[in-house]
N, C-alpha and C. Protein backbone atom coordinates (compact mmCIF):
# COMPACT_ATOMS: atom_id res chain seq x y z
N UNK A 1 25.27 71.70 21.46
CA UNK A 1 24.15 71.69 21.70
C UNK A 1 23.87 69.63 21.30
N UNK A 2 24.36 69.41 20.25
CA UNK A 2 23.71 68.20 19.25
C UNK A 2 24.50 67.46 20.52
N UNK A 3 25.48 67.34 21.25
CA UNK A 3 26.27 66.61 22.24
C UNK A 3 25.41 66.13 23.42
N UNK A 4 24.56 67.11 23.73
CA UNK A 4 23.73 67.12 24.84
C UNK A 4 22.45 66.20 24.25
N UNK A 5 22.12 66.29 23.03
CA UNK A 5 20.98 65.38 22.79
C UNK A 5 21.46 64.16 22.88
N UNK A 6 22.39 63.59 22.27
CA UNK A 6 23.01 62.18 22.11
C UNK A 6 23.34 61.88 23.30
N UNK A 7 23.70 62.70 24.36
CA UNK A 7 24.10 62.28 25.95
C UNK A 7 22.55 61.82 26.44
N UNK A 8 21.39 62.50 26.24
CA UNK A 8 20.08 62.30 26.63
C UNK A 8 19.63 61.29 25.97
N UNK A 9 19.77 60.86 24.96
CA UNK A 9 19.11 59.82 24.35
C UNK A 9 19.69 58.35 24.67
N UNK A 10 21.21 58.25 24.95
CA UNK A 10 21.88 57.69 25.53
C UNK A 10 21.59 56.89 26.60
N UNK A 11 21.64 58.06 27.60
CA UNK A 11 21.10 57.99 29.06
C UNK A 11 19.86 57.36 29.12
N UNK A 12 19.01 57.80 28.06
CA UNK A 12 17.45 57.22 28.25
C UNK A 12 17.47 55.95 28.07
N UNK A 13 18.13 55.12 26.96
CA UNK A 13 18.07 53.82 26.56
C UNK A 13 18.98 53.17 27.77
N UNK A 14 20.07 53.64 28.10
CA UNK A 14 20.35 52.71 29.14
C UNK A 14 19.64 52.61 30.46
N UNK A 15 19.03 53.79 30.73
CA UNK A 15 18.32 53.59 31.96
C UNK A 15 17.21 52.99 31.83
N UNK A 16 16.49 52.72 30.57
CA UNK A 16 15.41 51.71 29.95
C UNK A 16 15.58 50.20 30.44
N UNK A 17 16.82 50.14 29.51
CA UNK A 17 17.43 48.41 29.62
C UNK A 17 17.89 48.00 31.14
N UNK A 18 18.55 49.20 31.99
CA UNK A 18 18.71 48.84 33.52
C UNK A 18 17.25 48.62 34.17
N UNK A 19 16.57 49.25 33.80
CA UNK A 19 15.26 48.91 34.62
C UNK A 19 14.43 47.60 34.09
N UNK A 20 14.47 47.36 32.68
CA UNK A 20 14.01 46.28 32.45
C UNK A 20 14.75 45.33 32.91
N UNK A 21 16.07 44.86 33.01
CA UNK A 21 16.67 43.88 33.49
C UNK A 21 16.52 43.91 35.04
N UNK A 22 16.37 44.52 36.06
CA UNK A 22 15.81 44.43 37.03
C UNK A 22 14.30 43.67 37.40
N UNK A 23 13.71 43.40 36.37
CA UNK A 23 12.20 42.57 36.55
C UNK A 23 12.38 41.26 37.12
N UNK A 24 11.69 41.11 38.44
CA UNK A 24 12.09 39.21 38.66
C UNK A 24 11.16 38.75 38.06
N UNK A 25 11.81 37.37 38.51
CA UNK A 25 10.49 36.43 38.28
C UNK A 25 9.65 36.00 39.23
N UNK A 26 9.02 35.10 39.15
CA UNK A 26 7.80 34.43 40.22
C UNK A 26 6.69 35.54 40.14
N UNK A 27 6.20 35.90 39.19
CA UNK A 27 5.02 36.68 39.08
C UNK A 27 5.24 38.04 38.81
N UNK A 28 6.45 38.75 38.85
CA UNK A 28 6.68 39.96 38.43
C UNK A 28 6.46 40.22 37.14
N UNK A 29 6.49 41.41 36.93
CA UNK A 29 6.33 41.83 35.70
C UNK A 29 6.73 43.56 35.33
N UNK A 30 6.08 44.22 34.25
CA UNK A 30 6.17 45.69 34.55
C UNK A 30 5.66 46.25 35.63
N UNK A 31 4.86 45.74 36.15
CA UNK A 31 3.90 46.69 37.04
C UNK A 31 4.37 46.04 38.57
N UNK A 32 5.28 44.98 38.86
CA UNK A 32 5.67 44.72 39.72
C UNK A 32 4.63 43.56 40.61
N UNK A 33 5.27 43.75 41.68
CA UNK A 33 4.30 42.35 42.56
C UNK A 33 4.24 42.89 44.02
N UNK A 34 2.98 42.54 44.61
CA UNK A 34 3.28 42.50 46.30
C UNK A 34 4.09 41.87 46.97
N UNK A 35 4.88 42.06 47.85
CA UNK A 35 6.04 41.33 48.72
C UNK A 35 5.66 41.59 49.80
N UNK A 36 5.63 40.32 50.93
CA UNK A 36 5.34 40.57 52.20
C UNK A 36 6.67 40.56 52.83
N UNK A 37 7.68 40.27 52.30
CA UNK A 37 8.87 40.09 53.27
C UNK A 37 9.51 41.50 52.76
N UNK A 38 10.53 41.65 53.64
CA UNK A 38 11.85 42.64 53.49
C UNK A 38 12.59 42.29 53.67
N UNK A 39 13.54 42.60 52.53
CA UNK A 39 14.90 42.07 52.42
C UNK A 39 15.80 43.13 51.72
N UNK A 40 17.12 43.00 51.64
CA UNK A 40 18.16 43.54 51.51
C UNK A 40 18.65 43.45 50.12
N UNK A 41 19.04 44.46 49.40
CA UNK A 41 19.89 44.40 48.18
C UNK A 41 21.15 43.67 48.48
N UNK A 42 21.53 42.65 47.49
CA UNK A 42 22.99 42.77 47.79
C UNK A 42 23.61 41.97 46.39
N UNK A 43 25.33 41.96 46.40
CA UNK A 43 25.62 42.10 45.07
C UNK A 43 25.24 42.80 43.91
N UNK A 44 25.05 42.15 43.09
CA UNK A 44 24.70 42.72 41.42
C UNK A 44 23.40 43.06 41.81
N UNK A 45 22.42 43.01 42.25
CA UNK A 45 20.94 43.51 42.78
C UNK A 45 21.40 45.14 43.16
N UNK A 46 22.26 45.32 44.40
CA UNK A 46 22.65 46.56 44.78
C UNK A 46 23.19 46.90 43.83
N UNK A 47 24.14 46.68 43.18
CA UNK A 47 25.11 47.22 42.08
C UNK A 47 23.95 47.91 40.95
N UNK A 48 23.20 47.16 40.85
CA UNK A 48 22.00 47.41 39.48
C UNK A 48 21.13 48.93 39.86
N UNK A 49 20.68 48.69 41.29
CA UNK A 49 19.91 49.88 41.82
C UNK A 49 20.80 51.23 42.00
N UNK A 50 21.96 50.75 42.31
CA UNK A 50 22.74 52.29 42.78
C UNK A 50 23.21 53.00 41.20
N UNK A 51 23.41 51.81 40.18
CA UNK A 51 23.49 52.32 38.62
C UNK A 51 22.07 53.05 38.28
N UNK A 52 21.32 52.37 38.38
CA UNK A 52 19.74 52.98 38.32
C UNK A 52 19.77 54.63 38.69
N UNK A 53 20.15 54.74 40.22
CA UNK A 53 19.96 56.20 40.69
C UNK A 53 21.22 57.05 39.94
N UNK A 54 22.09 56.40 39.43
CA UNK A 54 22.89 57.70 39.18
C UNK A 54 22.79 57.66 37.49
N UNK A 55 22.14 56.67 36.89
CA UNK A 55 21.50 57.32 35.59
C UNK A 55 20.33 58.31 35.48
N UNK A 56 19.55 58.12 36.61
CA UNK A 56 18.36 59.05 36.74
C UNK A 56 19.13 60.54 36.85
N UNK A 57 19.99 60.59 37.84
CA UNK A 57 20.56 61.75 38.20
C UNK A 57 21.18 62.36 36.81
N UNK A 58 21.99 61.88 36.05
CA UNK A 58 22.41 62.20 34.97
C UNK A 58 21.59 62.23 34.02
N UNK A 59 20.80 61.53 33.67
CA UNK A 59 19.39 61.96 32.69
C UNK A 59 18.59 63.48 33.02
N UNK A 60 18.19 63.46 34.35
CA UNK A 60 17.80 64.89 34.74
C UNK A 60 18.59 65.95 34.44
N UNK A 61 20.06 65.80 35.12
CA UNK A 61 21.00 67.08 34.72
C UNK A 61 21.04 67.18 33.39
N UNK A 62 21.49 66.31 32.38
CA UNK A 62 21.52 66.55 31.06
C UNK A 62 19.90 67.27 30.40
N UNK A 63 19.01 66.62 30.99
CA UNK A 63 17.61 67.15 30.68
C UNK A 63 17.52 68.79 30.84
N UNK A 64 17.74 68.98 32.09
CA UNK A 64 17.84 70.75 32.90
C UNK A 64 18.52 71.35 31.72
N UNK A 65 20.03 71.09 31.82
CA UNK A 65 21.02 71.79 30.60
C UNK A 65 20.35 72.06 29.39
N UNK A 66 20.26 70.85 28.91
CA UNK A 66 19.76 70.98 27.80
C UNK A 66 18.03 72.03 27.07
N UNK A 67 17.28 71.88 28.02
CA UNK A 67 16.42 72.57 28.23
C UNK A 67 16.57 74.26 28.66
N UNK A 68 17.85 74.24 29.51
CA UNK A 68 18.07 75.67 29.88
C UNK A 68 19.09 76.36 28.30
N UNK A 69 19.86 75.45 27.79
CA UNK A 69 20.56 76.37 26.83
C UNK A 69 19.65 76.27 25.44
N UNK A 70 18.80 75.41 25.17
CA UNK A 70 17.98 75.92 24.11
C UNK A 70 16.67 77.09 24.11
N UNK A 71 16.54 77.28 25.68
CA UNK A 71 15.82 78.32 25.89
C UNK A 71 14.22 77.94 25.77
N UNK A 72 13.94 76.42 26.18
CA UNK A 72 12.86 75.74 26.19
C UNK A 72 11.96 75.56 24.80
N UNK A 73 12.86 75.92 23.81
CA UNK A 73 12.17 75.79 22.29
C UNK A 73 11.44 74.41 21.68
């Protein structure tokens, strides 16, 4: 059970770092900005986006397993 807690902490820290590293320049910040153009993600940006999705899924699975195994305590 301690292994799940460590995995959850590591996943959350890495997820926060990945999300914060995706902040763009030119007026963007923690709350984003309105963009009038539609563009596609390429290269490193696409990889970071996909990694974010994978980390979110991992975090949710580990959190759900941890909650089920501890009985919601």
